[in-house]
Amino acid sequence: MSESIFLLSLWVLGVCLIGFVVCPKVTSRQSGSRRVLRCLAVLAGVGIPVLGLVTMQHGPWVGLLSLVGGFALLVMSMARTAPQPDTSPS
């Protein structure tokens, strides 16, 4: 396995840990949402160079598949941690 695919798998593991394990346990909406956005910004900042390395070593199609997969993980983790609207009757 090449180092770019290894780094990509570590990045995916980080997204899964932060987005699906750590962030849903946040209790305060205001400070929690800022922390979630900060974590996702760091993950995106790390993921972009890893995506470039994957594309450089394995070609544009593997890079495109990695981009779509990473985007799907980030969107799913943001959807899980978004504050839900209050639908209780007044």
PDB file of N, CA and C in Angstrom:
ATOM      1  N   MET A   1       0.851  -1.165   0.000  1.00  0.00           N
ATOM      2  CA  MET A   1       0.000   0.000   0.000  1.00  0.00           C
ATOM      3  C   MET A   1       0.898   1.230   0.000  1.00  0.00           C
ATOM      4  N   SER A   2       0.576   2.191  -0.827  1.00  0.00           N
ATOM      5  CA  SER A   2       1.399   3.390  -0.916  1.00  0.00           C
ATOM      6  C   SER A   2       1.113   4.316   0.267  1.00  0.00           C
ATOM      7  N   GLU A   3       2.037   5.241   0.492  1.00  0.00           N
ATOM      8  CA  GLU A   3       1.872   6.142   1.637  1.00  0.00           C
ATOM      9  C   GLU A   3       0.686   7.079   1.468  1.00  0.00           C
ATOM     10  N   SER A   4       0.320   7.411   0.239  1.00  0.00           N
ATOM     11  CA  SER A   4      -0.825   8.303   0.051  1.00  0.00           C
ATOM     12  C   SER A   4      -2.134   7.611   0.427  1.00  0.00           C
ATOM     13  N   ILE A   5      -2.288   6.356   0.080  1.00  0.00           N
ATOM     14  CA  ILE A   5      -3.494   5.615   0.446  1.00  0.00           C
ATOM     15  C   ILE A   5      -3.532   5.390   1.955  1.00  0.00           C
ATOM     16  N   PHE A   6      -2.366   5.165   2.557  1.00  0.00           N
ATOM     17  CA  PHE A   6      -2.293   5.027   4.012  1.00  0.00           C
ATOM     18  C   PHE A   6      -2.709   6.328   4.702  1.00  0.00           C
ATOM     19  N   LEU A   7      -2.215   7.470   4.215  1.00  0.00           N
ATOM     20  CA  LEU A   7      -2.602   8.759   4.785  1.00  0.00           C
ATOM     21  C   LEU A   7      -4.090   9.029   4.587  1.00  0.00           C
ATOM     22  N   LEU A   8      -4.612   8.643   3.441  1.00  0.00           N
ATOM     23  CA  LEU A   8      -6.035   8.816   3.184  1.00  0.00           C
ATOM     24  C   LEU A   8      -6.870   7.971   4.143  1.00  0.00           C
ATOM     25  N   SER A   9      -6.440   6.759   4.410  1.00  0.00           N
ATOM     26  CA  SER A   9      -7.183   5.915   5.347  1.00  0.00           C
ATOM     27  C   SER A   9      -7.093   6.466   6.768  1.00  0.00           C
ATOM     28  N   LEU A  10      -5.955   7.046   7.156  1.00  0.00           N
ATOM     29  CA  LEU A  10      -5.861   7.700   8.459  1.00  0.00           C
ATOM     30  C   LEU A  10      -6.788   8.904   8.535  1.00  0.00           C
ATOM     31  N   TRP A  11      -6.892   9.662   7.440  1.00  0.00           N
ATOM     32  CA  TRP A  11      -7.782  10.814   7.410  1.00  0.00           C
ATOM     33  C   TRP A  11      -9.239  10.371   7.547  1.00  0.00           C
ATOM     34  N   VAL A  12      -9.607   9.301   6.858  1.00  0.00           N
ATOM     35  CA  VAL A  12     -10.973   8.774   6.954  1.00  0.00           C
ATOM     36  C   VAL A  12     -11.258   8.309   8.378  1.00  0.00           C
ATOM     37  N   LEU A  13     -10.294   7.684   9.011  1.00  0.00           N
ATOM     38  CA  LEU A  13     -10.456   7.263  10.396  1.00  0.00           C
ATOM     39  C   LEU A  13     -10.656   8.477  11.306  1.00  0.00           C
ATOM     40  N   GLY A  14      -9.912   9.552  11.068  1.00  0.00           N
ATOM     41  CA  GLY A  14     -10.080  10.776  11.844  1.00  0.00           C
ATOM     42  C   GLY A  14     -11.454  11.394  11.658  1.00  0.00           C
ATOM     43  N   VAL A  15     -11.943  11.413  10.430  1.00  0.00           N
ATOM     44  CA  VAL A  15     -13.292  11.952  10.169  1.00  0.00           C
ATOM     45  C   VAL A  15     -14.339  11.121  10.885  1.00  0.00           C
ATOM     46  N   CYS A  16     -14.187   9.814  10.823  1.00  0.00           N
ATOM     47  CA  CYS A  16     -15.172   8.951  11.487  1.00  0.00           C
ATOM     48  C   CYS A  16     -15.132   9.132  13.000  1.00  0.00           C
ATOM     49  N   LEU A  17     -13.950   9.216  13.572  1.00  0.00           N
ATOM     50  CA  LEU A  17     -13.855   9.398  15.017  1.00  0.00           C
ATOM     51  C   LEU A  17     -14.414  10.739  15.454  1.00  0.00           C
ATOM     52  N   ILE A  18     -14.044  11.801  14.769  1.00  0.00           N
ATOM     53  CA  ILE A  18     -14.507  13.128  15.173  1.00  0.00           C
ATOM     54  C   ILE A  18     -15.970  13.336  14.824  1.00  0.00           C
ATOM     55  N   GLY A  19     -16.358  12.959  13.634  1.00  0.00           N
ATOM     56  CA  GLY A  19     -17.715  13.243  13.185  1.00  0.00           C
ATOM     57  C   GLY A  19     -18.786  12.346  13.767  1.00  0.00           C
ATOM     58  N   PHE A  20     -18.448  11.096  14.064  1.00  0.00           N
ATOM     59  CA  PHE A  20     -19.477  10.164  14.486  1.00  0.00           C
ATOM     60  C   PHE A  20     -19.367   9.725  15.936  1.00  0.00           C
ATOM     61  N   VAL A  21     -18.226   9.941  16.573  1.00  0.00           N
ATOM     62  CA  VAL A  21     -18.046   9.495  17.956  1.00  0.00           C
ATOM     63  C   VAL A  21     -17.936  10.675  18.902  1.00  0.00           C
ATOM     64  N   VAL A  22     -17.067  11.622  18.606  1.00  0.00           N
ATOM     65  CA  VAL A  22     -16.793  12.720  19.524  1.00  0.00           C
ATOM     66  C   VAL A  22     -17.880  13.783  19.460  1.00  0.00           C
ATOM     67  N   CYS A  23     -18.249  14.215  18.280  1.00  0.00           N
ATOM     68  CA  CYS A  23     -19.161  15.355  18.126  1.00  0.00           C
ATOM     69  C   CYS A  23     -20.582  15.104  18.600  1.00  0.00           C
ATOM     70  N   PRO A  24     -21.191  13.931  18.424  1.00  0.00           N
ATOM     71  CA  PRO A  24     -22.553  13.758  18.946  1.00  0.00           C
ATOM     72  C   PRO A  24     -22.644  13.825  20.459  1.00  0.00           C
ATOM     73  N   LYS A  25     -21.527  13.677  21.168  1.00  0.00           N
ATOM     74  CA  LYS A  25     -21.544  13.743  22.622  1.00  0.00           C
ATOM     75  C   LYS A  25     -21.485  15.174  23.141  1.00  0.00           C
ATOM     76  N   VAL A  26     -21.381  16.151  22.255  1.00  0.00           N
ATOM     77  CA  VAL A  26     -21.321  17.549  22.670  1.00  0.00           C
ATOM     78  C   VAL A  26     -22.702  17.949  23.167  1.00  0.00           C
ATOM     79  N   THR A  27     -22.754  18.553  24.370  1.00  0.00           N
ATOM     80  CA  THR A  27     -24.050  18.889  24.953  1.00  0.00           C
ATOM     81  C   THR A  27     -24.462  20.325  24.663  1.00  0.00           C
ATOM     82  N   SER A  28     -23.549  21.270  24.757  1.00  0.00           N
ATOM     83  CA  SER A  28     -23.886  22.664  24.534  1.00  0.00           C
ATOM     84  C   SER A  28     -23.940  22.939  23.038  1.00  0.00           C
ATOM     85  N   ARG A  29     -25.051  23.506  22.576  1.00  0.00           N
ATOM     86  CA  ARG A  29     -25.210  23.733  21.139  1.00  0.00           C
ATOM     87  C   ARG A  29     -24.257  24.797  20.622  1.00  0.00           C
ATOM     88  N   GLN A  30     -24.145  25.913  21.322  1.00  0.00           N
ATOM     89  CA  GLN A  30     -23.352  27.028  20.801  1.00  0.00           C
ATOM     90  C   GLN A  30     -21.865  26.693  20.783  1.00  0.00           C
ATOM     91  N   SER A  31     -21.308  26.321  21.943  1.00  0.00           N
ATOM     92  CA  SER A  31     -19.880  26.035  21.963  1.00  0.00           C
ATOM     93  C   SER A  31     -19.576  24.734  21.232  1.00  0.00           C
ATOM     94  N   GLY A  32     -20.523  23.794  21.259  1.00  0.00           N
ATOM     95  CA  GLY A  32     -20.317  22.529  20.574  1.00  0.00           C
ATOM     96  C   GLY A  32     -20.268  22.689  19.070  1.00  0.00           C
ATOM     97  N   SER A  33     -21.151  23.550  18.531  1.00  0.00           N
ATOM     98  CA  SER A  33     -21.157  23.710  17.081  1.00  0.00           C
ATOM     99  C   SER A  33     -19.885  24.407  16.604  1.00  0.00           C
ATOM    100  N   ARG A  34     -19.368  25.331  17.394  1.00  0.00           N
ATOM    101  CA  ARG A  34     -18.099  25.962  17.029  1.00  0.00           C
ATOM    102  C   ARG A  34     -16.963  24.960  17.064  1.00  0.00           C
ATOM    103  N   ARG A  35     -16.985  24.090  18.060  1.00  0.00           N
ATOM    104  CA  ARG A  35     -15.933  23.082  18.161  1.00  0.00           C
ATOM    105  C   ARG A  35     -16.016  22.100  16.999  1.00  0.00           C
ATOM    106  N   VAL A  36     -17.237  21.732  16.631  1.00  0.00           N
ATOM    107  CA  VAL A  36     -17.429  20.814  15.502  1.00  0.00           C
ATOM    108  C   VAL A  36     -16.925  21.454  14.212  1.00  0.00           C
ATOM    109  N   LEU A  37     -17.282  22.719  13.985  1.00  0.00           N
ATOM    110  CA  LEU A  37     -16.823  23.395  12.770  1.00  0.00           C
ATOM    111  C   LEU A  37     -15.306  23.549  12.757  1.00  0.00           C
ATOM    112  N   ARG A  38     -14.704  23.798  13.903  1.00  0.00           N
ATOM    113  CA  ARG A  38     -13.252  23.894  13.977  1.00  0.00           C
ATOM    114  C   ARG A  38     -12.605  22.541  13.657  1.00  0.00           C
ATOM    115  N   CYS A  39     -13.171  21.468  14.195  1.00  0.00           N
ATOM    116  CA  CYS A  39     -12.636  20.130  13.909  1.00  0.00           C
ATOM    117  C   CYS A  39     -12.764  19.790  12.429  1.00  0.00           C
ATOM    118  N   LEU A  40     -13.915  20.117  11.842  1.00  0.00           N
ATOM    119  CA  LEU A  40     -14.104  19.820  10.428  1.00  0.00           C
ATOM    120  C   LEU A  40     -13.221  20.681   9.543  1.00  0.00           C
ATOM    121  N   ALA A  41     -12.947  21.929   9.976  1.00  0.00           N
ATOM    122  CA  ALA A  41     -12.033  22.777   9.207  1.00  0.00           C
ATOM    123  C   ALA A  41     -10.616  22.220   9.238  1.00  0.00           C
ATOM    124  N   VAL A  42     -10.200  21.709  10.386  1.00  0.00           N
ATOM    125  CA  VAL A  42      -8.867  21.094  10.476  1.00  0.00           C
ATOM    126  C   VAL A  42      -8.805  19.843   9.607  1.00  0.00           C
ATOM    127  N   LEU A  43      -9.867  19.043   9.646  1.00  0.00           N
ATOM    128  CA  LEU A  43      -9.894  17.838   8.802  1.00  0.00           C
ATOM    129  C   LEU A  43      -9.858  18.184   7.325  1.00  0.00           C
ATOM    130  N   ALA A  44     -10.558  19.239   6.925  1.00  0.00           N
ATOM    131  CA  ALA A  44     -10.514  19.653   5.525  1.00  0.00           C
ATOM    132  C   ALA A  44      -9.136  20.192   5.170  1.00  0.00           C
ATOM    133  N   GLY A  45      -8.515  20.926   6.081  1.00  0.00           N
ATOM    134  CA  GLY A  45      -7.172  21.451   5.835  1.00  0.00           C
ATOM    135  C   GLY A  45      -6.124  20.357   5.703  1.00  0.00           C
ATOM    136  N   VAL A  46      -6.314  19.263   6.406  1.00  0.00           N
ATOM    137  CA  VAL A  46      -5.394  18.126   6.278  1.00  0.00           C
ATOM    138  C   VAL A  46      -5.751  17.287   5.059  1.00  0.00           C
ATOM    139  N   GLY A  47      -7.040  17.179   4.756  1.00  0.00           N
ATOM    140  CA  GLY A  47      -7.487  16.316   3.669  1.00  0.00           C
ATOM    141  C   GLY A  47      -7.144  16.827   2.288  1.00  0.00           C
ATOM    142  N   ILE A  48      -7.073  18.137   2.113  1.00  0.00           N
ATOM    143  CA  ILE A  48      -6.780  18.685   0.785  1.00  0.00           C
ATOM    144  C   ILE A  48      -5.378  18.307   0.311  1.00  0.00           C
ATOM    145  N   PRO A  49      -4.321  18.469   1.121  1.00  0.00           N
ATOM    146  CA  PRO A  49      -3.001  18.007   0.648  1.00  0.00           C
ATOM    147  C   PRO A  49      -2.921  16.493   0.454  1.00  0.00           C
ATOM    148  N   VAL A  50      -3.625  15.733   1.311  1.00  0.00           N
ATOM    149  CA  VAL A  50      -3.643  14.276   1.138  1.00  0.00           C
ATOM    150  C   VAL A  50      -4.323  13.918  -0.174  1.00  0.00           C
ATOM    151  N   LEU A  51      -5.396  14.617  -0.503  1.00  0.00           N
ATOM    152  CA  LEU A  51      -6.083  14.386  -1.775  1.00  0.00           C
ATOM    153  C   LEU A  51      -5.166  14.702  -2.956  1.00  0.00           C
ATOM    154  N   GLY A  52      -4.399  15.770  -2.847  1.00  0.00           N
ATOM    155  CA  GLY A  52      -3.440  16.093  -3.908  1.00  0.00           C
ATOM    156  C   GLY A  52      -2.387  15.021  -4.074  1.00  0.00           C
ATOM    157  N   LEU A  53      -1.910  14.472  -2.949  1.00  0.00           N
ATOM    158  CA  LEU A  53      -0.906  13.403  -3.007  1.00  0.00           C
ATOM    159  C   LEU A  53      -1.486  12.138  -3.633  1.00  0.00           C
ATOM    160  N   VAL A  54      -2.718  11.803  -3.269  1.00  0.00           N
ATOM    161  CA  VAL A  54      -3.371  10.624  -3.858  1.00  0.00           C
ATOM    162  C   VAL A  54      -3.537  10.819  -5.363  1.00  0.00           C
ATOM    163  N   THR A  55      -3.966  12.006  -5.773  1.00  0.00           N
ATOM    164  CA  THR A  55      -4.164  12.283  -7.195  1.00  0.00           C
ATOM    165  C   THR A  55      -2.843  12.238  -7.948  1.00  0.00           C
ATOM    166  N   MET A  56      -1.786  12.748  -7.339  1.00  0.00           N
ATOM    167  CA  MET A  56      -0.474  12.760  -8.004  1.00  0.00           C
ATOM    168  C   MET A  56       0.066  11.342  -8.181  1.00  0.00           C
ATOM    169  N   GLN A  57      -0.124  10.489  -7.181  1.00  0.00           N
ATOM    170  CA  GLN A  57       0.458   9.148  -7.246  1.00  0.00           C
ATOM    171  C   GLN A  57      -0.404   8.138  -7.989  1.00  0.00           C
ATOM    172  N   HIS A  58      -1.725   8.323  -7.950  1.00  0.00           N
ATOM    173  CA  HIS A  58      -2.597   7.281  -8.500  1.00  0.00           C
ATOM    174  C   HIS A  58      -3.477   7.736  -9.649  1.00  0.00           C
ATOM    175  N   GLY A  59      -3.411   8.999 -10.017  1.00  0.00           N
ATOM    176  CA  GLY A  59      -4.158   9.470 -11.177  1.00  0.00           C
ATOM    177  C   GLY A  59      -5.443  10.183 -10.805  1.00  0.00           C
ATOM    178  N   PRO A  60      -6.050  10.818 -11.814  1.00  0.00           N
ATOM    179  CA  PRO A  60      -7.213  11.667 -11.541  1.00  0.00           C
ATOM    180  C   PRO A  60      -8.474  10.900 -11.148  1.00  0.00           C
ATOM    181  N   TRP A  61      -8.641   9.670 -11.625  1.00  0.00           N
ATOM    182  CA  TRP A  61      -9.866   8.946 -11.292  1.00  0.00           C
ATOM    183  C   TRP A  61      -9.872   8.509  -9.833  1.00  0.00           C
ATOM    184  N   VAL A  62      -8.757   8.054  -9.340  1.00  0.00           N
ATOM    185  CA  VAL A  62      -8.670   7.683  -7.917  1.00  0.00           C
ATOM    186  C   VAL A  62      -8.782   8.935  -7.051  1.00  0.00           C
ATOM    187  N   GLY A  63      -8.204  10.046  -7.505  1.00  0.00           N
ATOM    188  CA  GLY A  63      -8.344  11.303  -6.786  1.00  0.00           C
ATOM    189  C   GLY A  63      -9.784  11.775  -6.738  1.00  0.00           C
ATOM    190  N   LEU A  64     -10.496  11.615  -7.850  1.00  0.00           N
ATOM    191  CA  LEU A  64     -11.904  12.012  -7.889  1.00  0.00           C
ATOM    192  C   LEU A  64     -12.745  11.135  -6.973  1.00  0.00           C
ATOM    193  N   LEU A  65     -12.505   9.844  -6.963  1.00  0.00           N
ATOM    194  CA  LEU A  65     -13.225   8.952  -6.052  1.00  0.00           C
ATOM    195  C   LEU A  65     -12.932   9.293  -4.600  1.00  0.00           C
ATOM    196  N   SER A  66     -11.679   9.643  -4.302  1.00  0.00           N
ATOM    197  CA  SER A  66     -11.314  10.038  -2.942  1.00  0.00           C
ATOM    198  C   SER A  66     -11.999  11.340  -2.558  1.00  0.00           C
ATOM    199  N   LEU A  67     -12.088  12.275  -3.488  1.00  0.00           N
ATOM    200  CA  LEU A  67     -12.760  13.545  -3.230  1.00  0.00           C
ATOM    201  C   LEU A  67     -14.232  13.332  -2.920  1.00  0.00           C
ATOM    202  N   VAL A  68     -14.899  12.519  -3.708  1.00  0.00           N
ATOM    203  CA  VAL A  68     -16.325  12.260  -3.495  1.00  0.00           C
ATOM    204  C   VAL A  68     -16.540  11.529  -2.165  1.00  0.00           C
ATOM    205  N   GLY A  69     -15.697  10.566  -1.862  1.00  0.00           N
ATOM    206  CA  GLY A  69     -15.822   9.849  -0.590  1.00  0.00           C
ATOM    207  C   GLY A  69     -15.581  10.747   0.611  1.00  0.00           C
ATOM    208  N   GLY A  70     -14.552  11.593   0.534  1.00  0.00           N
ATOM    209  CA  GLY A  70     -14.281  12.521   1.627  1.00  0.00           C
ATOM    210  C   GLY A  70     -15.387  13.531   1.812  1.00  0.00           C
ATOM    211  N   PHE A  71     -15.922  14.031   0.706  1.00  0.00           N
ATOM    212  CA  PHE A  71     -17.031  14.981   0.775  1.00  0.00           C
ATOM    213  C   PHE A  71     -18.250  14.332   1.414  1.00  0.00           C
ATOM    214  N   ALA A  72     -18.532  13.097   1.053  1.00  0.00           N
ATOM    215  CA  ALA A  72     -19.687  12.404   1.627  1.00  0.00           C
ATOM    216  C   ALA A  72     -19.512  12.208   3.132  1.00  0.00           C
ATOM    217  N   LEU A  73     -18.309  11.863   3.569  1.00  0.00           N
ATOM    218  CA  LEU A  73     -18.073  11.695   5.002  1.00  0.00           C
ATOM    219  C   LEU A  73     -18.233  13.002   5.755  1.00  0.00           C
ATOM    220  N   LEU A  74     -17.698  14.090   5.203  1.00  0.00           N
ATOM    221  CA  LEU A  74     -17.825  15.378   5.879  1.00  0.00           C
ATOM    222  C   LEU A  74     -19.276  15.839   5.939  1.00  0.00           C
ATOM    223  N   VAL A  75     -20.029  15.639   4.873  1.00  0.00           N
ATOM    224  CA  VAL A  75     -21.439  16.041   4.866  1.00  0.00           C
ATOM    225  C   VAL A  75     -22.233  15.205   5.856  1.00  0.00           C
ATOM    226  N   MET A  76     -21.977  13.906   5.908  1.00  0.00           N
ATOM    227  CA  MET A  76     -22.696  13.058   6.855  1.00  0.00           C
ATOM    228  C   MET A  76     -22.369  13.429   8.289  1.00  0.00           C
ATOM    229  N   SER A  77     -21.111  13.742   8.579  1.00  0.00           N
ATOM    230  CA  SER A  77     -20.756  14.094   9.949  1.00  0.00           C
ATOM    231  C   SER A  77     -21.329  15.451  10.332  1.00  0.00           C
ATOM    232  N   MET A  78     -21.408  16.388   9.384  1.00  0.00           N
ATOM    233  CA  MET A  78     -22.022  17.679   9.688  1.00  0.00           C
ATOM    234  C   MET A  78     -23.530  17.536   9.867  1.00  0.00           C
ATOM    235  N   ALA A  79     -24.165  16.660   9.108  1.00  0.00           N
ATOM    236  CA  ALA A  79     -25.610  16.470   9.240  1.00  0.00           C
ATOM    237  C   ALA A  79     -25.962  15.839  10.583  1.00  0.00           C
ATOM    238  N   ARG A  80     -25.109  14.972  11.076  1.00  0.00           N
ATOM    239  CA  ARG A  80     -25.369  14.340  12.369  1.00  0.00           C
ATOM    240  C   ARG A  80     -25.206  15.311  13.521  1.00  0.00           C
ATOM    241  N   THR A  81     -24.330  16.286  13.391  1.00  0.00           N
ATOM    242  CA  THR A  81     -24.045  17.185  14.496  1.00  0.00           C
ATOM    243  C   THR A  81     -24.785  18.509  14.400  1.00  0.00           C
ATOM    244  N   ALA A  82     -25.571  18.723  13.350  1.00  0.00           N
ATOM    245  CA  ALA A  82     -26.313  19.980  13.211  1.00  0.00           C
ATOM    246  C   ALA A  82     -27.418  20.031  14.264  1.00  0.00           C
ATOM    247  N   PRO A  83     -27.633  21.208  14.865  1.00  0.00           N
ATOM    248  CA  PRO A  83     -28.705  21.312  15.852  1.00  0.00           C
ATOM    249  C   PRO A  83     -30.067  21.099  15.196  1.00  0.00           C
ATOM    250  N   GLN A  84     -30.894  20.323  15.844  1.00  0.00           N
ATOM    251  CA  GLN A  84     -32.223  20.013  15.318  1.00  0.00           C
ATOM    252  C   GLN A  84     -33.199  21.103  15.735  1.00  0.00           C
ATOM    253  N   PRO A  85     -34.097  21.510  14.842  1.00  0.00           N
ATOM    254  CA  PRO A  85     -35.080  22.525  15.215  1.00  0.00           C
ATOM    255  C   PRO A  85     -36.066  21.986  16.238  1.00  0.00           C
ATOM    256  N   ASP A  86     -36.549  22.874  17.079  1.00  0.00           N
ATOM    257  CA  ASP A  86     -37.509  22.499  18.102  1.00  0.00           C
ATOM    258  C   ASP A  86     -38.897  22.387  17.474  1.00  0.00           C
ATOM    259  N   THR A  87     -39.440  21.176  17.457  1.00  0.00           N
ATOM    260  CA  THR A  87     -40.742  20.955  16.816  1.00  0.00           C
ATOM    261  C   THR A  87     -41.836  20.690  17.834  1.00  0.00           C
ATOM    262  N   SER A  88     -41.584  20.969  19.106  1.00  0.00           N
ATOM    263  CA  SER A  88     -42.613  20.738  20.121  1.00  0.00           C
ATOM    264  C   SER A  88     -43.715  21.789  20.000  1.00  0.00           C
ATOM    265  N   PRO A  89     -44.969  21.403  20.207  1.00  0.00           N
ATOM    266  CA  PRO A  89     -46.061  22.374  20.093  1.00  0.00           C
ATOM    267  C   PRO A  89     -45.993  23.403  21.211  1.00  0.00           C
ATOM    268  N   SER A  90     -46.316  24.627  20.895  1.00  0.00           N
ATOM    269  CA  SER A  90     -46.223  25.712  21.884  1.00  0.00           C
ATOM    270  C   SER A  90     -47.476  25.821  22.718  1.00  0.00           C
TER     271      SER A  90
END
